[in-house]
């Protein structure tokens, strides 16, 4: 009548209905599920970080592009006004005295 705890646990497990029986691979399945869940969470986090970086970087690129375009326009205006100022005055026609 005296059974060891291991034998008692084994017997109780055997008496459980089939759907409640512990699968021998359950611990492996649970571990795989945890790892899969962690990988999916990491991928979701990385995707969100990537999206945020892209959004920030996109704004930065737009800002820098607008700044460069403004600087180029200002430079072009300065060059044009400098060239206009350096242009010699029109030559005077000789006056014909007769």
N, C-alpha and C. Protein backbone atom coordinates (compact mmCIF):
# COMPACT_ATOMS: atom_id res chain seq x y z
N UNK A 1 0.80 -1.20 0.00
CA UNK A 1 0.00 0.00 0.00
C UNK A 1 0.84 1.26 0.00
N UNK A 2 2.05 1.16 0.42
CA UNK A 2 2.90 2.34 0.49
C UNK A 2 3.56 2.55 -0.86
N UNK A 3 3.15 3.62 -1.51
CA UNK A 3 3.73 3.93 -2.83
C UNK A 3 4.63 5.13 -2.71
N UNK A 4 5.65 5.15 -3.55
CA UNK A 4 6.52 6.33 -3.57
C UNK A 4 5.76 7.47 -4.24
N UNK A 5 6.24 8.69 -4.01
CA UNK A 5 5.58 9.85 -4.60
C UNK A 5 5.63 9.81 -6.13
N UNK A 6 6.75 9.36 -6.67
CA UNK A 6 6.88 9.28 -8.13
C UNK A 6 5.86 8.32 -8.71
N UNK A 7 5.71 7.18 -8.07
CA UNK A 7 4.76 6.19 -8.55
C UNK A 7 3.33 6.73 -8.43
N UNK A 8 3.05 7.43 -7.34
CA UNK A 8 1.72 8.00 -7.13
C UNK A 8 1.42 9.04 -8.21
N UNK A 9 2.38 9.92 -8.51
CA UNK A 9 2.19 10.94 -9.53
C UNK A 9 1.97 10.31 -10.89
N UNK A 10 2.73 9.29 -11.17
CA UNK A 10 2.60 8.63 -12.45
C UNK A 10 1.22 8.00 -12.58
N UNK A 11 0.76 7.35 -11.52
CA UNK A 11 -0.55 6.71 -11.56
C UNK A 11 -1.66 7.75 -11.71
N UNK A 12 -1.54 8.87 -11.01
CA UNK A 12 -2.56 9.91 -11.14
C UNK A 12 -2.59 10.48 -12.54
N UNK A 13 -1.44 10.64 -13.14
CA UNK A 13 -1.39 11.18 -14.49
C UNK A 13 -2.05 10.22 -15.47
N UNK A 14 -1.84 8.96 -15.25
CA UNK A 14 -2.43 7.97 -16.14
C UNK A 14 -3.95 7.95 -16.04
N UNK A 15 -4.49 8.35 -14.89
CA UNK A 15 -5.94 8.33 -14.71
C UNK A 15 -6.63 9.55 -15.32
N UNK A 16 -5.87 10.55 -15.68
CA UNK A 16 -6.49 11.75 -16.26
C UNK A 16 -7.08 11.44 -17.62
N UNK A 17 -8.16 12.12 -17.98
CA UNK A 17 -8.68 11.93 -19.33
C UNK A 17 -7.62 12.32 -20.35
N UNK A 18 -7.73 11.78 -21.54
CA UNK A 18 -6.70 11.95 -22.55
C UNK A 18 -6.40 13.41 -22.84
N UNK A 19 -7.41 14.26 -22.92
CA UNK A 19 -7.15 15.66 -23.27
C UNK A 19 -6.38 16.40 -22.18
N UNK A 20 -6.38 15.87 -20.96
CA UNK A 20 -5.65 16.50 -19.87
C UNK A 20 -4.28 15.88 -19.62
N UNK A 21 -3.98 14.81 -20.34
CA UNK A 21 -2.69 14.15 -20.13
C UNK A 21 -1.57 15.06 -20.59
N UNK A 22 -0.50 15.00 -19.87
CA UNK A 22 0.66 15.82 -20.20
C UNK A 22 1.40 15.15 -21.35
N UNK A 23 1.63 15.92 -22.38
CA UNK A 23 2.40 15.44 -23.52
C UNK A 23 3.87 15.42 -23.11
N UNK A 24 4.58 14.38 -23.50
CA UNK A 24 6.00 14.31 -23.15
C UNK A 24 6.79 15.46 -23.75
N UNK A 25 6.32 15.96 -24.87
CA UNK A 25 7.02 17.06 -25.54
C UNK A 25 6.47 18.43 -25.13
N UNK A 26 5.58 18.44 -24.16
CA UNK A 26 4.93 19.70 -23.79
C UNK A 26 5.94 20.75 -23.36
N UNK A 27 6.90 20.37 -22.55
CA UNK A 27 7.87 21.36 -22.08
C UNK A 27 8.67 21.92 -23.25
N UNK A 28 8.97 21.09 -24.23
CA UNK A 28 9.68 21.56 -25.42
C UNK A 28 8.76 22.49 -26.22
N UNK A 29 7.49 22.11 -26.37
CA UNK A 29 6.53 22.94 -27.09
C UNK A 29 6.34 24.28 -26.41
N UNK A 30 6.23 24.26 -25.09
CA UNK A 30 6.06 25.50 -24.33
C UNK A 30 7.28 26.39 -24.51
N UNK A 31 8.46 25.80 -24.43
CA UNK A 31 9.69 26.56 -24.62
C UNK A 31 9.74 27.16 -26.04
N UNK A 32 9.40 26.34 -27.04
CA UNK A 32 9.39 26.82 -28.42
C UNK A 32 8.37 27.95 -28.59
N UNK A 33 7.21 27.80 -27.95
CA UNK A 33 6.19 28.85 -28.04
C UNK A 33 6.69 30.15 -27.40
N UNK A 34 7.35 30.02 -26.28
CA UNK A 34 7.90 31.22 -25.61
C UNK A 34 8.94 31.90 -26.50
N UNK A 35 9.83 31.08 -27.07
CA UNK A 35 10.87 31.64 -27.94
C UNK A 35 10.25 32.29 -29.17
N UNK A 36 9.26 31.64 -29.74
CA UNK A 36 8.58 32.19 -30.91
C UNK A 36 7.89 33.50 -30.55
N UNK A 37 7.22 33.51 -29.40
CA UNK A 37 6.55 34.72 -28.94
C UNK A 37 7.56 35.84 -28.71
N UNK A 38 8.67 35.52 -28.09
CA UNK A 38 9.71 36.53 -27.85
C UNK A 38 10.27 37.06 -29.15
N UNK A 39 10.51 36.16 -30.12
CA UNK A 39 11.02 36.61 -31.43
C UNK A 39 10.01 37.52 -32.12
N UNK A 40 8.74 37.15 -32.06
CA UNK A 40 7.70 37.99 -32.68
C UNK A 40 7.63 39.35 -32.00
N UNK A 41 7.71 39.36 -30.68
CA UNK A 41 7.69 40.63 -29.95
C UNK A 41 8.91 41.48 -30.33
N UNK A 42 10.07 40.85 -30.41
CA UNK A 42 11.27 41.58 -30.80
C UNK A 42 11.14 42.13 -32.21
N UNK A 43 10.59 41.33 -33.12
CA UNK A 43 10.40 41.79 -34.50
C UNK A 43 9.43 42.96 -34.55
N UNK A 44 8.36 42.90 -33.75
CA UNK A 44 7.39 43.99 -33.72
C UNK A 44 8.03 45.25 -33.16
N UNK A 45 8.83 45.10 -32.12
CA UNK A 45 9.51 46.25 -31.52
C UNK A 45 10.50 46.85 -32.51
N UNK A 46 11.27 45.98 -33.17
CA UNK A 46 12.24 46.48 -34.16
C UNK A 46 11.54 47.16 -35.33
N UNK A 47 10.40 46.61 -35.76
CA UNK A 47 9.65 47.24 -36.85
C UNK A 47 9.16 48.62 -36.43
N UNK A 48 8.69 48.75 -35.21
CA UNK A 48 8.21 50.05 -34.71
C UNK A 48 9.37 51.04 -34.60
N UNK A 49 10.50 50.57 -34.08
CA UNK A 49 11.68 51.45 -33.98
C UNK A 49 12.11 51.89 -35.37
N UNK A 50 12.13 50.96 -36.30
CA UNK A 50 12.52 51.28 -37.67
C UNK A 50 11.57 52.31 -38.28
N UNK A 51 10.27 52.13 -38.04
CA UNK A 51 9.28 53.07 -38.56
C UNK A 51 9.50 54.47 -37.97
N UNK A 52 9.75 54.51 -36.67
CA UNK A 52 9.99 55.81 -36.02
C UNK A 52 11.26 56.48 -36.54
N UNK A 53 12.31 55.69 -36.71
CA UNK A 53 13.56 56.24 -37.24
C UNK A 53 13.34 56.75 -38.66
N UNK A 54 12.63 55.95 -39.48
CA UNK A 54 12.35 56.38 -40.85
C UNK A 54 11.57 57.69 -40.86
N UNK A 55 10.59 57.80 -39.98
CA UNK A 55 9.78 59.01 -39.91
C UNK A 55 10.64 60.20 -39.50
N UNK A 56 11.46 60.02 -38.48
CA UNK A 56 12.34 61.10 -38.03
C UNK A 56 13.35 61.45 -39.11
N UNK A 57 13.94 60.43 -39.71
CA UNK A 57 14.96 60.65 -40.72
C UNK A 57 14.35 61.32 -41.94
N UNK A 58 13.13 60.92 -42.28
CA UNK A 58 12.43 61.53 -43.41
C UNK A 58 12.21 63.01 -43.15
N UNK A 59 11.77 63.35 -41.94
CA UNK A 59 11.58 64.77 -41.59
C UNK A 59 12.90 65.51 -41.66
N UNK A 60 13.97 64.87 -41.18
CA UNK A 60 15.29 65.50 -41.20
C UNK A 60 15.74 65.74 -42.64
N UNK A 61 15.53 64.74 -43.50
CA UNK A 61 15.92 64.89 -44.91
C UNK A 61 15.13 66.01 -45.56
N UNK A 62 13.83 66.07 -45.30
CA UNK A 62 13.01 67.15 -45.86
C UNK A 62 13.51 68.51 -45.38
N UNK A 63 13.83 68.61 -44.09
CA UNK A 63 14.33 69.87 -43.52
C UNK A 63 15.66 70.25 -44.17
N UNK A 64 16.58 69.28 -44.26
CA UNK A 64 17.88 69.57 -44.86
C UNK A 64 17.74 69.93 -46.34
N UNK A 65 16.89 69.25 -47.06
CA UNK A 65 16.67 69.54 -48.48
C UNK A 65 16.15 70.96 -48.64
N UNK A 66 15.17 71.34 -47.84
CA UNK A 66 14.62 72.70 -47.92
C UNK A 66 15.70 73.73 -47.58
N UNK A 67 16.54 73.43 -46.57
CA UNK A 67 17.62 74.35 -46.19
C UNK A 67 18.62 74.49 -47.34
N UNK A 68 19.00 73.38 -47.95
CA UNK A 68 19.95 73.42 -49.05
C UNK A 68 19.37 74.17 -50.24
N UNK A 69 18.09 73.92 -50.55
CA UNK A 69 17.46 74.63 -51.67
C UNK A 69 17.43 76.13 -51.41
N UNK A 70 17.11 76.52 -50.18
CA UNK A 70 17.09 77.94 -49.83
C UNK A 70 18.49 78.54 -49.95
N UNK A 71 19.50 77.81 -49.50
CA UNK A 71 20.88 78.29 -49.59
C UNK A 71 21.31 78.42 -51.05
N UNK A 72 20.92 77.48 -51.88
CA UNK A 72 21.26 77.54 -53.31
C UNK A 72 20.58 78.74 -53.96
N UNK A 73 19.29 78.94 -53.66
CA UNK A 73 18.57 80.11 -54.23
C UNK A 73 19.25 81.41 -53.81
N UNK A 74 19.61 81.51 -52.53
CA UNK A 74 20.27 82.72 -52.03
C UNK A 74 21.61 82.91 -52.73
N UNK A 75 22.35 81.83 -52.89
CA UNK A 75 23.65 81.92 -53.56
C UNK A 75 23.46 82.37 -55.01
N UNK A 76 22.48 81.76 -55.70
CA UNK A 76 22.22 82.15 -57.09
C UNK A 76 21.86 83.63 -57.19
N UNK A 77 21.04 84.12 -56.27
CA UNK A 77 20.68 85.53 -56.28
C UNK A 77 21.90 86.41 -56.04
N UNK A 78 22.76 86.00 -55.11
CA UNK A 78 23.97 86.77 -54.83
C UNK A 78 24.90 86.79 -56.04
N UNK A 79 25.05 85.65 -56.69
CA UNK A 79 25.91 85.58 -57.87
C UNK A 79 25.34 86.45 -58.99
N UNK A 80 24.03 86.36 -59.19
CA UNK A 80 23.39 87.16 -60.23
C UNK A 80 23.56 88.65 -59.95
N UNK A 81 23.31 89.04 -58.71
CA UNK A 81 23.45 90.48 -58.39
C UNK A 81 24.90 90.93 -58.49
N UNK A 82 25.84 90.06 -58.13
CA UNK A 82 27.27 90.40 -58.24
C UNK A 82 27.67 90.54 -59.70
N UNK A 83 27.21 89.61 -60.51
CA UNK A 83 27.54 89.69 -61.95
C UNK A 83 26.90 90.92 -62.59
N UNK A 84 25.71 91.24 -62.16
CA UNK A 84 25.03 92.43 -62.69
C UNK A 84 25.79 93.69 -62.29
N UNK A 85 26.27 93.72 -61.07
CA UNK A 85 27.02 94.89 -60.59
C UNK A 85 28.37 95.00 -61.29
N UNK A 86 28.95 93.90 -61.68
CA UNK A 86 30.26 93.92 -62.33
C UNK A 86 30.17 94.23 -63.83
N UNK A 87 28.99 94.20 -64.37
CA UNK A 87 28.81 94.42 -65.81
C UNK A 87 29.24 95.85 -66.15
N UNK A 88 30.06 95.99 -67.17
CA UNK A 88 30.48 97.35 -67.53
C UNK A 88 29.30 98.14 -68.08
N UNK A 89 29.34 99.44 -67.91
CA UNK A 89 28.24 100.23 -68.45
C UNK A 89 28.25 100.15 -69.97
N UNK A 90 27.11 100.39 -70.58
CA UNK A 90 27.06 100.29 -72.05
C UNK A 90 28.00 101.34 -72.66
N UNK A 91 28.61 100.95 -73.76
CA UNK A 91 29.54 101.86 -74.44
C UNK A 91 28.76 103.02 -75.04
N UNK A 92 29.34 104.22 -74.93
CA UNK A 92 28.69 105.40 -75.49
C UNK A 92 29.04 105.49 -76.96
N UNK A 93 28.07 105.88 -77.73
CA UNK A 93 28.32 106.05 -79.16
C UNK A 93 29.06 107.37 -79.36
N UNK A 94 30.03 107.35 -80.21
CA UNK A 94 30.71 108.62 -80.47
C UNK A 94 29.75 109.64 -81.09
N UNK A 95 29.87 110.84 -80.65
CA UNK A 95 29.01 111.91 -81.15
C UNK A 95 29.63 112.43 -82.45
N UNK A 96 28.84 112.49 -83.46
CA UNK A 96 29.30 112.96 -84.76
C UNK A 96 29.03 114.46 -84.88
N UNK A 97 30.08 115.27 -84.90
CA UNK A 97 29.87 116.71 -84.99
C UNK A 97 30.09 117.14 -86.43
N UNK A 98 29.11 117.60 -86.99
CA UNK A 98 29.26 118.11 -88.33
C UNK A 98 28.73 119.45 -88.48
